[in-house]
């Protein structure tokens, strides 16, 4: 594993982007215990607050990109506990909106969905 400190920008679907540093490559970060734990925490939170949501894996999979110039992203908020709370709220709203849209589609005139 590469032990060079790198800056990464992380977001989930339509959430804000957050920065974090990690000693290793993007692939190492994606497989890291911290990202796996965060993914599970977000998944558990959405399941607890939104019933019957089939979109959870899409919502809780992080989009990670390596920052080519860490100084350019210095203004981005850190991925900390407060950021995770904001992500949870945003993803929960997004899950509810997806379910509402699915319900609207199901109640459309001449609906033939089984």
PDB file of N, CA and C in Angstrom:
ATOM      1  N   UNK A   1       0.835  -1.185   0.000  1.00  0.00           N
ATOM      2  CA  UNK A   1       0.000   0.000   0.000  1.00  0.00           C
ATOM      3  C   UNK A   1       0.877   1.243   0.000  1.00  0.00           C
ATOM      4  N   UNK A   2       0.489   2.202  -0.794  1.00  0.00           N
ATOM      5  CA  UNK A   2       1.193   3.470  -0.865  1.00  0.00           C
ATOM      6  C   UNK A   2       0.865   4.286   0.388  1.00  0.00           C
ATOM      7  N   UNK A   3       1.872   4.844   1.036  1.00  0.00           N
ATOM      8  CA  UNK A   3       1.633   5.565   2.288  1.00  0.00           C
ATOM      9  C   UNK A   3       1.758   7.076   2.119  1.00  0.00           C
ATOM     10  N   UNK A   4       1.603   7.574   0.929  1.00  0.00           N
ATOM     11  CA  UNK A   4       1.658   8.996   0.683  1.00  0.00           C
ATOM     12  C   UNK A   4       0.321   9.640   1.047  1.00  0.00           C
ATOM     13  N   UNK A   5       0.377  10.714   1.835  1.00  0.00           N
ATOM     14  CA  UNK A   5      -0.835  11.438   2.240  1.00  0.00           C
ATOM     15  C   UNK A   5      -1.432  12.141   1.024  1.00  0.00           C
ATOM     16  N   UNK A   6      -2.704  11.848   0.731  1.00  0.00           N
ATOM     17  CA  UNK A   6      -3.383  12.441  -0.415  1.00  0.00           C
ATOM     18  C   UNK A   6      -4.710  13.025   0.039  1.00  0.00           C
ATOM     19  N   UNK A   7      -5.198  13.994  -0.719  1.00  0.00           N
ATOM     20  CA  UNK A   7      -6.497  14.607  -0.444  1.00  0.00           C
ATOM     21  C   UNK A   7      -7.509  14.052  -1.435  1.00  0.00           C
ATOM     22  N   UNK A   8      -8.672  13.675  -0.902  1.00  0.00           N
ATOM     23  CA  UNK A   8      -9.750  13.136  -1.719  1.00  0.00           C
ATOM     24  C   UNK A   8     -11.019  13.952  -1.494  1.00  0.00           C
ATOM     25  N   UNK A   9     -11.819  14.056  -2.537  1.00  0.00           N
ATOM     26  CA  UNK A   9     -13.102  14.739  -2.472  1.00  0.00           C
ATOM     27  C   UNK A   9     -14.178  13.661  -2.549  1.00  0.00           C
ATOM     28  N   UNK A  10     -15.081  13.676  -1.567  1.00  0.00           N
ATOM     29  CA  UNK A  10     -16.090  12.631  -1.438  1.00  0.00           C
ATOM     30  C   UNK A  10     -17.480  13.262  -1.425  1.00  0.00           C
ATOM     31  N   UNK A  11     -18.380  12.644  -2.173  1.00  0.00           N
ATOM     32  CA  UNK A  11     -19.781  13.062  -2.142  1.00  0.00           C
ATOM     33  C   UNK A  11     -20.655  11.821  -2.317  1.00  0.00           C
ATOM     34  N   UNK A  12     -21.912  11.977  -1.989  1.00  0.00           N
ATOM     35  CA  UNK A  12     -22.911  10.920  -2.139  1.00  0.00           C
ATOM     36  C   UNK A  12     -24.091  11.514  -2.892  1.00  0.00           C
ATOM     37  N   UNK A  13     -24.328  11.004  -4.099  1.00  0.00           N
ATOM     38  CA  UNK A  13     -25.416  11.493  -4.956  1.00  0.00           C
ATOM     39  C   UNK A  13     -25.425  13.017  -5.013  1.00  0.00           C
ATOM     40  N   UNK A  14     -26.455  13.665  -4.445  1.00  0.00           N
ATOM     41  CA  UNK A  14     -26.604  15.114  -4.540  1.00  0.00           C
ATOM     42  C   UNK A  14     -26.151  15.855  -3.284  1.00  0.00           C
ATOM     43  N   UNK A  15     -25.317  15.227  -2.475  1.00  0.00           N
ATOM     44  CA  UNK A  15     -24.840  15.905  -1.272  1.00  0.00           C
ATOM     45  C   UNK A  15     -23.729  16.885  -1.634  1.00  0.00           C
ATOM     46  N   UNK A  16     -23.370  17.700  -0.670  1.00  0.00           N
ATOM     47  CA  UNK A  16     -22.198  18.543  -0.837  1.00  0.00           C
ATOM     48  C   UNK A  16     -20.973  17.654  -0.953  1.00  0.00           C
ATOM     49  N   UNK A  17     -19.886  18.237  -1.403  1.00  0.00           N
ATOM     50  CA  UNK A  17     -18.615  17.509  -1.487  1.00  0.00           C
ATOM     51  C   UNK A  17     -17.783  17.839  -0.261  1.00  0.00           C
ATOM     52  N   UNK A  18     -17.079  16.839   0.217  1.00  0.00           N
ATOM     53  CA  UNK A  18     -16.257  16.978   1.417  1.00  0.00           C
ATOM     54  C   UNK A  18     -14.856  16.482   1.113  1.00  0.00           C
ATOM     55  N   UNK A  19     -13.899  16.984   1.855  1.00  0.00           N
ATOM     56  CA  UNK A  19     -12.525  16.545   1.636  1.00  0.00           C
ATOM     57  C   UNK A  19     -12.058  15.708   2.812  1.00  0.00           C
ATOM     58  N   UNK A  20     -11.162  14.817   2.499  1.00  0.00           N
ATOM     59  CA  UNK A  20     -10.513  14.038   3.546  1.00  0.00           C
ATOM     60  C   UNK A  20      -9.136  13.645   3.051  1.00  0.00           C
ATOM     61  N   UNK A  21      -8.241  13.440   3.977  1.00  0.00           N
ATOM     62  CA  UNK A  21      -6.908  12.973   3.619  1.00  0.00           C
ATOM     63  C   UNK A  21      -6.814  11.492   3.951  1.00  0.00           C
ATOM     64  N   UNK A  22      -6.005  10.811   3.171  1.00  0.00           N
ATOM     65  CA  UNK A  22      -5.855   9.374   3.347  1.00  0.00           C
ATOM     66  C   UNK A  22      -4.478   8.973   2.849  1.00  0.00           C
ATOM     67  N   UNK A  23      -3.867   8.060   3.554  1.00  0.00           N
ATOM     68  CA  UNK A  23      -2.562   7.536   3.167  1.00  0.00           C
ATOM     69  C   UNK A  23      -2.761   6.353   2.241  1.00  0.00           C
ATOM     70  N   UNK A  24      -2.845   6.614   0.952  1.00  0.00           N
ATOM     71  CA  UNK A  24      -3.007   5.537  -0.005  1.00  0.00           C
ATOM     72  C   UNK A  24      -3.754   5.975  -1.238  1.00  0.00           C
ATOM     73  N   UNK A  25      -3.972   5.028  -2.109  1.00  0.00           N
ATOM     74  CA  UNK A  25      -4.623   5.301  -3.385  1.00  0.00           C
ATOM     75  C   UNK A  25      -6.136   5.390  -3.224  1.00  0.00           C
ATOM     76  N   UNK A  26      -6.785   5.811  -4.290  1.00  0.00           N
ATOM     77  CA  UNK A  26      -8.247   5.889  -4.305  1.00  0.00           C
ATOM     78  C   UNK A  26      -8.842   4.505  -4.061  1.00  0.00           C
ATOM     79  N   UNK A  27      -8.281   3.495  -4.678  1.00  0.00           N
ATOM     80  CA  UNK A  27      -8.773   2.126  -4.512  1.00  0.00           C
ATOM     81  C   UNK A  27      -8.633   1.667  -3.057  1.00  0.00           C
ATOM     82  N   UNK A  28      -7.505   2.043  -2.430  1.00  0.00           N
ATOM     83  CA  UNK A  28      -7.320   1.704  -1.014  1.00  0.00           C
ATOM     84  C   UNK A  28      -8.359   2.402  -0.150  1.00  0.00           C
ATOM     85  N   UNK A  29      -8.658   3.650  -0.466  1.00  0.00           N
ATOM     86  CA  UNK A  29      -9.657   4.404   0.289  1.00  0.00           C
ATOM     87  C   UNK A  29     -11.036   3.780   0.130  1.00  0.00           C
ATOM     88  N   UNK A  30     -11.396   3.407  -1.099  1.00  0.00           N
ATOM     89  CA  UNK A  30     -12.702   2.795  -1.346  1.00  0.00           C
ATOM     90  C   UNK A  30     -12.892   1.511  -0.547  1.00  0.00           C
ATOM     91  N   UNK A  31     -11.808   0.785  -0.318  1.00  0.00           N
ATOM     92  CA  UNK A  31     -11.863  -0.481   0.412  1.00  0.00           C
ATOM     93  C   UNK A  31     -11.545  -0.329   1.899  1.00  0.00           C
ATOM     94  N   UNK A  32     -11.271   0.894   2.318  1.00  0.00           N
ATOM     95  CA  UNK A  32     -10.841   1.122   3.699  1.00  0.00           C
ATOM     96  C   UNK A  32     -11.973   0.885   4.696  1.00  0.00           C
ATOM     97  N   UNK A  33     -11.622   0.510   5.919  1.00  0.00           N
ATOM     98  CA  UNK A  33     -12.645   0.323   6.961  1.00  0.00           C
ATOM     99  C   UNK A  33     -13.458   1.590   7.219  1.00  0.00           C
ATOM    100  N   UNK A  34     -12.843   2.743   7.099  1.00  0.00           N
ATOM    101  CA  UNK A  34     -13.565   3.995   7.360  1.00  0.00           C
ATOM    102  C   UNK A  34     -14.686   4.201   6.336  1.00  0.00           C
ATOM    103  N   UNK A  35     -14.411   3.981   5.073  1.00  0.00           N
ATOM    104  CA  UNK A  35     -15.438   4.159   4.045  1.00  0.00           C
ATOM    105  C   UNK A  35     -16.487   3.067   4.158  1.00  0.00           C
ATOM    106  N   UNK A  36     -16.080   1.855   4.424  1.00  0.00           N
ATOM    107  CA  UNK A  36     -17.053   0.768   4.599  1.00  0.00           C
ATOM    108  C   UNK A  36     -17.973   1.040   5.778  1.00  0.00           C
ATOM    109  N   UNK A  37     -17.394   1.522   6.874  1.00  0.00           N
ATOM    110  CA  UNK A  37     -18.191   1.839   8.062  1.00  0.00           C
ATOM    111  C   UNK A  37     -19.140   2.994   7.776  1.00  0.00           C
ATOM    112  N   UNK A  38     -18.680   4.002   7.046  1.00  0.00           N
ATOM    113  CA  UNK A  38     -19.519   5.141   6.687  1.00  0.00           C
ATOM    114  C   UNK A  38     -20.661   4.691   5.784  1.00  0.00           C
ATOM    115  N   UNK A  39     -20.361   3.867   4.815  1.00  0.00           N
ATOM    116  CA  UNK A  39     -21.387   3.321   3.917  1.00  0.00           C
ATOM    117  C   UNK A  39     -22.457   2.588   4.725  1.00  0.00           C
ATOM    118  N   UNK A  40     -22.039   1.753   5.659  1.00  0.00           N
ATOM    119  CA  UNK A  40     -22.981   0.986   6.480  1.00  0.00           C
ATOM    120  C   UNK A  40     -23.800   1.898   7.397  1.00  0.00           C
ATOM    121  N   UNK A  41     -23.149   2.905   7.972  1.00  0.00           N
ATOM    122  CA  UNK A  41     -23.849   3.857   8.848  1.00  0.00           C
ATOM    123  C   UNK A  41     -24.933   4.612   8.079  1.00  0.00           C
ATOM    124  N   UNK A  42     -24.618   5.051   6.878  1.00  0.00           N
ATOM    125  CA  UNK A  42     -25.604   5.760   6.057  1.00  0.00           C
ATOM    126  C   UNK A  42     -26.741   4.829   5.658  1.00  0.00           C
ATOM    127  N   UNK A  43     -26.392   3.618   5.280  1.00  0.00           N
ATOM    128  CA  UNK A  43     -27.410   2.635   4.886  1.00  0.00           C
ATOM    129  C   UNK A  43     -28.362   2.347   6.043  1.00  0.00           C
ATOM    130  N   UNK A  44     -27.809   2.119   7.231  1.00  0.00           N
ATOM    131  CA  UNK A  44     -28.633   1.836   8.411  1.00  0.00           C
ATOM    132  C   UNK A  44     -29.549   3.015   8.736  1.00  0.00           C
ATOM    133  N   UNK A  45     -29.013   4.220   8.634  1.00  0.00           N
ATOM    134  CA  UNK A  45     -29.791   5.412   8.951  1.00  0.00           C
ATOM    135  C   UNK A  45     -30.976   5.561   7.994  1.00  0.00           C
ATOM    136  N   UNK A  46     -30.726   5.395   6.704  1.00  0.00           N
ATOM    137  CA  UNK A  46     -31.809   5.547   5.730  1.00  0.00           C
ATOM    138  C   UNK A  46     -32.846   4.448   5.911  1.00  0.00           C
ATOM    139  N   UNK A  47     -32.416   3.222   6.137  1.00  0.00           N
ATOM    140  CA  UNK A  47     -33.362   2.120   6.364  1.00  0.00           C
ATOM    141  C   UNK A  47     -34.241   2.396   7.585  1.00  0.00           C
ATOM    142  N   UNK A  48     -33.671   3.018   8.591  1.00  0.00           N
ATOM    143  CA  UNK A  48     -34.412   3.327   9.813  1.00  0.00           C
ATOM    144  C   UNK A  48     -35.459   4.421   9.572  1.00  0.00           C
ATOM    145  N   UNK A  49     -35.166   5.366   8.679  1.00  0.00           N
ATOM    146  CA  UNK A  49     -36.034   6.524   8.491  1.00  0.00           C
ATOM    147  C   UNK A  49     -36.899   6.492   7.236  1.00  0.00           C
ATOM    148  N   UNK A  50     -36.622   5.580   6.327  1.00  0.00           N
ATOM    149  CA  UNK A  50     -37.402   5.494   5.092  1.00  0.00           C
ATOM    150  C   UNK A  50     -37.739   4.028   4.851  1.00  0.00           C
ATOM    151  N   UNK A  51     -39.019   3.725   4.901  1.00  0.00           N
ATOM    152  CA  UNK A  51     -39.447   2.340   4.719  1.00  0.00           C
ATOM    153  C   UNK A  51     -39.430   1.954   3.246  1.00  0.00           C
ATOM    154  N   UNK A  52     -39.108   0.718   2.984  1.00  0.00           N
ATOM    155  CA  UNK A  52     -39.209   0.131   1.633  1.00  0.00           C
ATOM    156  C   UNK A  52     -38.453   0.898   0.559  1.00  0.00           C
ATOM    157  N   UNK A  53     -37.272   1.330   0.846  1.00  0.00           N
ATOM    158  CA  UNK A  53     -36.482   2.047  -0.148  1.00  0.00           C
ATOM    159  C   UNK A  53     -35.500   1.082  -0.802  1.00  0.00           C
ATOM    160  N   UNK A  54     -35.677   0.868  -2.107  1.00  0.00           N
ATOM    161  CA  UNK A  54     -34.793  -0.025  -2.855  1.00  0.00           C
ATOM    162  C   UNK A  54     -33.578   0.701  -3.421  1.00  0.00           C
ATOM    163  N   UNK A  55     -33.492   1.992  -3.191  1.00  0.00           N
ATOM    164  CA  UNK A  55     -32.431   2.807  -3.787  1.00  0.00           C
ATOM    165  C   UNK A  55     -31.254   3.035  -2.850  1.00  0.00           C
ATOM    166  N   UNK A  56     -31.256   2.422  -1.695  1.00  0.00           N
ATOM    167  CA  UNK A  56     -30.229   2.701  -0.690  1.00  0.00           C
ATOM    168  C   UNK A  56     -28.813   2.462  -1.201  1.00  0.00           C
ATOM    169  N   UNK A  57     -28.527   1.355  -1.871  1.00  0.00           N
ATOM    170  CA  UNK A  57     -27.148   1.185  -2.358  1.00  0.00           C
ATOM    171  C   UNK A  57     -26.707   2.293  -3.311  1.00  0.00           C
ATOM    172  N   UNK A  58     -27.613   2.791  -4.130  1.00  0.00           N
ATOM    173  CA  UNK A  58     -27.278   3.896  -5.029  1.00  0.00           C
ATOM    174  C   UNK A  58     -26.985   5.172  -4.247  1.00  0.00           C
ATOM    175  N   UNK A  59     -27.733   5.379  -3.185  1.00  0.00           N
ATOM    176  CA  UNK A  59     -27.582   6.598  -2.397  1.00  0.00           C
ATOM    177  C   UNK A  59     -26.325   6.586  -1.535  1.00  0.00           C
ATOM    178  N   UNK A  60     -25.956   5.439  -1.017  1.00  0.00           N
ATOM    179  CA  UNK A  60     -24.886   5.373  -0.028  1.00  0.00           C
ATOM    180  C   UNK A  60     -23.522   5.006  -0.602  1.00  0.00           C
ATOM    181  N   UNK A  61     -23.444   4.830  -1.902  1.00  0.00           N
ATOM    182  CA  UNK A  61     -22.156   4.558  -2.535  1.00  0.00           C
ATOM    183  C   UNK A  61     -21.449   5.887  -2.771  1.00  0.00           C
ATOM    184  N   UNK A  62     -20.265   6.049  -2.208  1.00  0.00           N
ATOM    185  CA  UNK A  62     -19.591   7.343  -2.330  1.00  0.00           C
ATOM    186  C   UNK A  62     -18.980   7.547  -3.716  1.00  0.00           C
ATOM    187  N   UNK A  63     -18.962   8.789  -4.128  1.00  0.00           N
ATOM    188  CA  UNK A  63     -18.217   9.191  -5.317  1.00  0.00           C
ATOM    189  C   UNK A  63     -16.923   9.808  -4.787  1.00  0.00           C
ATOM    190  N   UNK A  64     -15.806   9.185  -5.115  1.00  0.00           N
ATOM    191  CA  UNK A  64     -14.513   9.621  -4.594  1.00  0.00           C
ATOM    192  C   UNK A  64     -13.619  10.017  -5.757  1.00  0.00           C
ATOM    193  N   UNK A  65     -13.006  11.171  -5.633  1.00  0.00           N
ATOM    194  CA  UNK A  65     -12.011  11.579  -6.625  1.00  0.00           C
ATOM    195  C   UNK A  65     -10.805  12.149  -5.903  1.00  0.00           C
ATOM    196  N   UNK A  66      -9.651  11.890  -6.458  1.00  0.00           N
ATOM    197  CA  UNK A  66      -8.428  12.422  -5.869  1.00  0.00           C
ATOM    198  C   UNK A  66      -8.279  13.879  -6.288  1.00  0.00           C
ATOM    199  N   UNK A  67      -7.937  14.726  -5.330  1.00  0.00           N
ATOM    200  CA  UNK A  67      -7.727  16.146  -5.607  1.00  0.00           C
ATOM    201  C   UNK A  67      -6.365  16.314  -6.253  1.00  0.00           C
ATOM    202  N   UNK A  68      -6.356  16.870  -7.443  1.00  0.00           N
ATOM    203  CA  UNK A  68      -5.091  17.069  -8.139  1.00  0.00           C
ATOM    204  C   UNK A  68      -4.250  18.159  -7.469  1.00  0.00           C
ATOM    205  N   UNK A  69      -4.906  19.133  -6.883  1.00  0.00           N
ATOM    206  CA  UNK A  69      -4.233  20.228  -6.183  1.00  0.00           C
ATOM    207  C   UNK A  69      -4.962  20.444  -4.858  1.00  0.00           C
ATOM    208  N   UNK A  70      -4.394  19.928  -3.771  1.00  0.00           N
ATOM    209  CA  UNK A  70      -5.057  19.984  -2.467  1.00  0.00           C
ATOM    210  C   UNK A  70      -5.397  21.419  -2.058  1.00  0.00           C
ATOM    211  N   UNK A  71      -4.564  22.375  -2.418  1.00  0.00           N
ATOM    212  CA  UNK A  71      -4.806  23.772  -2.067  1.00  0.00           C
ATOM    213  C   UNK A  71      -6.071  24.319  -2.708  1.00  0.00           C
ATOM    214  N   UNK A  72      -6.389  23.826  -3.875  1.00  0.00           N
ATOM    215  CA  UNK A  72      -7.590  24.267  -4.590  1.00  0.00           C
ATOM    216  C   UNK A  72      -8.861  23.866  -3.844  1.00  0.00           C
ATOM    217  N   UNK A  73      -8.789  22.815  -3.050  1.00  0.00           N
ATOM    218  CA  UNK A  73      -9.951  22.300  -2.329  1.00  0.00           C
ATOM    219  C   UNK A  73      -9.902  22.613  -0.832  1.00  0.00           C
ATOM    220  N   UNK A  74      -9.023  23.489  -0.429  1.00  0.00           N
ATOM    221  CA  UNK A  74      -8.868  23.815   0.991  1.00  0.00           C
ATOM    222  C   UNK A  74     -10.142  24.374   1.605  1.00  0.00           C
ATOM    223  N   UNK A  75     -10.988  24.995   0.821  1.00  0.00           N
ATOM    224  CA  UNK A  75     -12.232  25.565   1.325  1.00  0.00           C
ATOM    225  C   UNK A  75     -13.346  24.549   1.506  1.00  0.00           C
ATOM    226  N   UNK A  76     -13.146  23.345   1.014  1.00  0.00           N
ATOM    227  CA  UNK A  76     -14.174  22.311   1.165  1.00  0.00           C
ATOM    228  C   UNK A  76     -14.224  21.869   2.621  1.00  0.00           C
ATOM    229  N   UNK A  77     -15.421  21.621   3.150  1.00  0.00           N
ATOM    230  CA  UNK A  77     -15.505  21.155   4.540  1.00  0.00           C
ATOM    231  C   UNK A  77     -14.931  19.742   4.678  1.00  0.00           C
ATOM    232  N   UNK A  78     -14.414  19.468   5.857  1.00  0.00           N
ATOM    233  CA  UNK A  78     -13.882  18.135   6.150  1.00  0.00           C
ATOM    234  C   UNK A  78     -15.016  17.132   6.312  1.00  0.00           C
ATOM    235  N   UNK A  79     -14.744  15.904   5.976  1.00  0.00           N
ATOM    236  CA  UNK A  79     -15.697  14.825   6.206  1.00  0.00           C
ATOM    237  C   UNK A  79     -15.571  14.419   7.672  1.00  0.00           C
ATOM    238  N   UNK A  80     -16.356  15.089   8.517  1.00  0.00           N
ATOM    239  CA  UNK A  80     -16.331  14.832   9.952  1.00  0.00           C
ATOM    240  C   UNK A  80     -17.736  14.448  10.416  1.00  0.00           C
ATOM    241  N   UNK A  81     -17.940  14.363  11.713  1.00  0.00           N
ATOM    242  CA  UNK A  81     -19.234  13.932  12.258  1.00  0.00           C
ATOM    243  C   UNK A  81     -20.372  14.866  11.840  1.00  0.00           C
ATOM    244  N   UNK A  82     -20.119  16.174  11.839  1.00  0.00           N
ATOM    245  CA  UNK A  82     -21.158  17.128  11.428  1.00  0.00           C
ATOM    246  C   UNK A  82     -21.494  16.941   9.946  1.00  0.00           C
ATOM    247  N   UNK A  83     -20.492  16.700   9.134  1.00  0.00           N
ATOM    248  CA  UNK A  83     -20.723  16.473   7.704  1.00  0.00           C
ATOM    249  C   UNK A  83     -21.529  15.197   7.490  1.00  0.00           C
ATOM    250  N   UNK A  84     -21.232  14.174   8.245  1.00  0.00           N
ATOM    251  CA  UNK A  84     -21.962  12.909   8.119  1.00  0.00           C
ATOM    252  C   UNK A  84     -23.424  13.103   8.485  1.00  0.00           C
ATOM    253  N   UNK A  85     -23.703  13.900   9.501  1.00  0.00           N
ATOM    254  CA  UNK A  85     -25.096  14.204   9.859  1.00  0.00           C
ATOM    255  C   UNK A  85     -25.812  14.923   8.711  1.00  0.00           C
ATOM    256  N   UNK A  86     -25.130  15.874   8.067  1.00  0.00           N
ATOM    257  CA  UNK A  86     -25.729  16.572   6.925  1.00  0.00           C
ATOM    258  C   UNK A  86     -25.966  15.607   5.766  1.00  0.00           C
ATOM    259  N   UNK A  87     -25.034  14.713   5.538  1.00  0.00           N
ATOM    260  CA  UNK A  87     -25.180  13.718   4.467  1.00  0.00           C
ATOM    261  C   UNK A  87     -26.382  12.830   4.755  1.00  0.00           C
ATOM    262  N   UNK A  88     -26.531  12.394   5.988  1.00  0.00           N
ATOM    263  CA  UNK A  88     -27.672  11.553   6.365  1.00  0.00           C
ATOM    264  C   UNK A  88     -28.986  12.258   6.063  1.00  0.00           C
ATOM    265  N   UNK A  89     -29.078  13.532   6.434  1.00  0.00           N
ATOM    266  CA  UNK A  89     -30.312  14.288   6.204  1.00  0.00           C
ATOM    267  C   UNK A  89     -30.597  14.432   4.711  1.00  0.00           C
ATOM    268  N   UNK A  90     -29.577  14.769   3.942  1.00  0.00           N
ATOM    269  CA  UNK A  90     -29.754  14.950   2.498  1.00  0.00           C
ATOM    270  C   UNK A  90     -30.165  13.655   1.823  1.00  0.00           C
ATOM    271  N   UNK A  91     -29.511  12.555   2.164  1.00  0.00           N
ATOM    272  CA  UNK A  91     -29.825  11.272   1.544  1.00  0.00           C
ATOM    273  C   UNK A  91     -31.204  10.759   1.950  1.00  0.00           C
ATOM    274  N   UNK A  92     -31.611  11.042   3.174  1.00  0.00           N
ATOM    275  CA  UNK A  92     -32.945  10.647   3.620  1.00  0.00           C
ATOM    276  C   UNK A  92     -34.013  11.398   2.824  1.00  0.00           C
ATOM    277  N   UNK A  93     -33.817  12.679   2.627  1.00  0.00           N
ATOM    278  CA  UNK A  93     -34.754  13.465   1.816  1.00  0.00           C
ATOM    279  C   UNK A  93     -34.770  12.935   0.387  1.00  0.00           C
ATOM    280  N   UNK A  94     -33.606  12.632  -0.139  1.00  0.00           N
ATOM    281  CA  UNK A  94     -33.536  12.116  -1.503  1.00  0.00           C
ATOM    282  C   UNK A  94     -34.245  10.761  -1.618  1.00  0.00           C
ATOM    283  N   UNK A  95     -34.078   9.902  -0.621  1.00  0.00           N
ATOM    284  CA  UNK A  95     -34.761   8.598  -0.634  1.00  0.00           C
ATOM    285  C   UNK A  95     -36.275   8.790  -0.595  1.00  0.00           C
ATOM    286  N   UNK A  96     -36.744   9.699   0.240  1.00  0.00           N
ATOM    287  CA  UNK A  96     -38.186   9.975   0.308  1.00  0.00           C
ATOM    288  C   UNK A  96     -38.703  10.531  -1.017  1.00  0.00           C
ATOM    289  N   UNK A  97     -37.929  11.417  -1.634  1.00  0.00           N
ATOM    290  CA  UNK A  97     -38.335  11.974  -2.927  1.00  0.00           C
ATOM    291  C   UNK A  97     -38.415  10.888  -3.997  1.00  0.00           C
ATOM    292  N   UNK A  98     -37.470   9.961  -3.980  1.00  0.00           N
ATOM    293  CA  UNK A  98     -37.491   8.862  -4.953  1.00  0.00           C
ATOM    294  C   UNK A  98     -38.729   7.991  -4.760  1.00  0.00           C
ATOM    295  N   UNK A  99     -39.063   7.718  -3.512  1.00  0.00           N
ATOM    296  CA  UNK A  99     -40.255   6.921  -3.228  1.00  0.00           C
ATOM    297  C   UNK A  99     -41.529   7.670  -3.594  1.00  0.00           C
ATOM    298  N   UNK A 100     -41.560   8.965  -3.315  1.00  0.00           N
ATOM    299  CA  UNK A 100     -42.726   9.767  -3.696  1.00  0.00           C
ATOM    300  C   UNK A 100     -42.912   9.764  -5.214  1.00  0.00           C
ATOM    301  N   UNK A 101     -41.807   9.902  -5.941  1.00  0.00           N
ATOM    302  CA  UNK A 101     -41.900   9.899  -7.406  1.00  0.00           C
ATOM    303  C   UNK A 101     -42.376   8.536  -7.905  1.00  0.00           C
ATOM    304  N   UNK A 102     -41.877   7.486  -7.303  1.00  0.00           N
ATOM    305  CA  UNK A 102     -42.305   6.137  -7.679  1.00  0.00           C
ATOM    306  C   UNK A 102     -43.808   5.979  -7.428  1.00  0.00           C
ATOM    307  N   UNK A 103     -44.280   6.499  -6.314  1.00  0.00           N
ATOM    308  CA  UNK A 103     -45.705   6.428  -5.978  1.00  0.00           C
ATOM    309  C   UNK A 103     -46.538   7.255  -6.956  1.00  0.00           C
ATOM    310  N   UNK A 104     -46.061   8.435  -7.311  1.00  0.00           N
ATOM    311  CA  UNK A 104     -46.776   9.250  -8.293  1.00  0.00           C
ATOM    312  C   UNK A 104     -46.863   8.524  -9.637  1.00  0.00           C
ATOM    313  N   UNK A 105     -45.784   7.905 -10.035  1.00  0.00           N
ATOM    314  CA  UNK A 105     -45.785   7.162 -11.296  1.00  0.00           C
ATOM    315  C   UNK A 105     -46.766   5.993 -11.242  1.00  0.00           C
ATOM    316  N   UNK A 106     -46.837   5.378 -10.096  1.00  0.00           N
ATOM    317  CA  UNK A 106     -47.724   4.229  -9.924  1.00  0.00           C
ATOM    318  C   UNK A 106     -49.189   4.660  -9.978  1.00  0.00           C
ATOM    319  N   UNK A 107     -49.481   5.861  -9.551  1.00  0.00           N
ATOM    320  CA  UNK A 107     -50.860   6.358  -9.542  1.00  0.00           C
ATOM    321  C   UNK A 107     -51.210   7.125 -10.810  1.00  0.00           C
ATOM    322  N   UNK A 108     -50.356   7.066 -11.796  1.00  0.00           N
ATOM    323  CA  UNK A 108     -50.613   7.764 -13.034  1.00  0.00           C
ATOM    324  C   UNK A 108     -51.836   7.177 -13.752  1.00  0.00           C
ATOM    325  N   UNK A 109     -52.538   7.995 -14.530  1.00  0.00           N
ATOM    326  CA  UNK A 109     -53.675   7.478 -15.289  1.00  0.00           C
ATOM    327  C   UNK A 109     -53.231   6.326 -16.200  1.00  0.00           C
ATOM    328  N   UNK A 110     -54.073   5.360 -16.324  1.00  0.00           N
ATOM    329  CA  UNK A 110     -53.836   4.201 -17.178  1.00  0.00           C
ATOM    330  C   UNK A 110     -52.615   3.389 -16.736  1.00  0.00           C
ATOM    331  N   UNK A 111     -52.341   3.434 -15.464  1.00  0.00           N
ATOM    332  CA  UNK A 111     -51.207   2.685 -14.913  1.00  0.00           C
ATOM    333  C   UNK A 111     -51.398   1.202 -15.135  1.00  0.00           C
ATOM    334  N   UNK A 112     -50.369   0.544 -15.555  1.00  0.00           N
ATOM    335  CA  UNK A 112     -50.409  -0.883 -15.785  1.00  0.00           C
ATOM    336  C   UNK A 112     -49.316  -1.609 -15.022  1.00  0.00           C
ATOM    337  N   UNK A 113     -48.823  -1.029 -13.974  1.00  0.00           N
ATOM    338  CA  UNK A 113     -47.747  -1.630 -13.188  1.00  0.00           C
ATOM    339  C   UNK A 113     -48.330  -2.713 -12.294  1.00  0.00           C
ATOM    340  N   UNK A 114     -47.740  -3.879 -12.302  1.00  0.00           N
ATOM    341  CA  UNK A 114     -48.223  -4.990 -11.459  1.00  0.00           C
ATOM    342  C   UNK A 114     -47.490  -5.041 -10.162  1.00  0.00           C
TER     343      UNK A 114
END
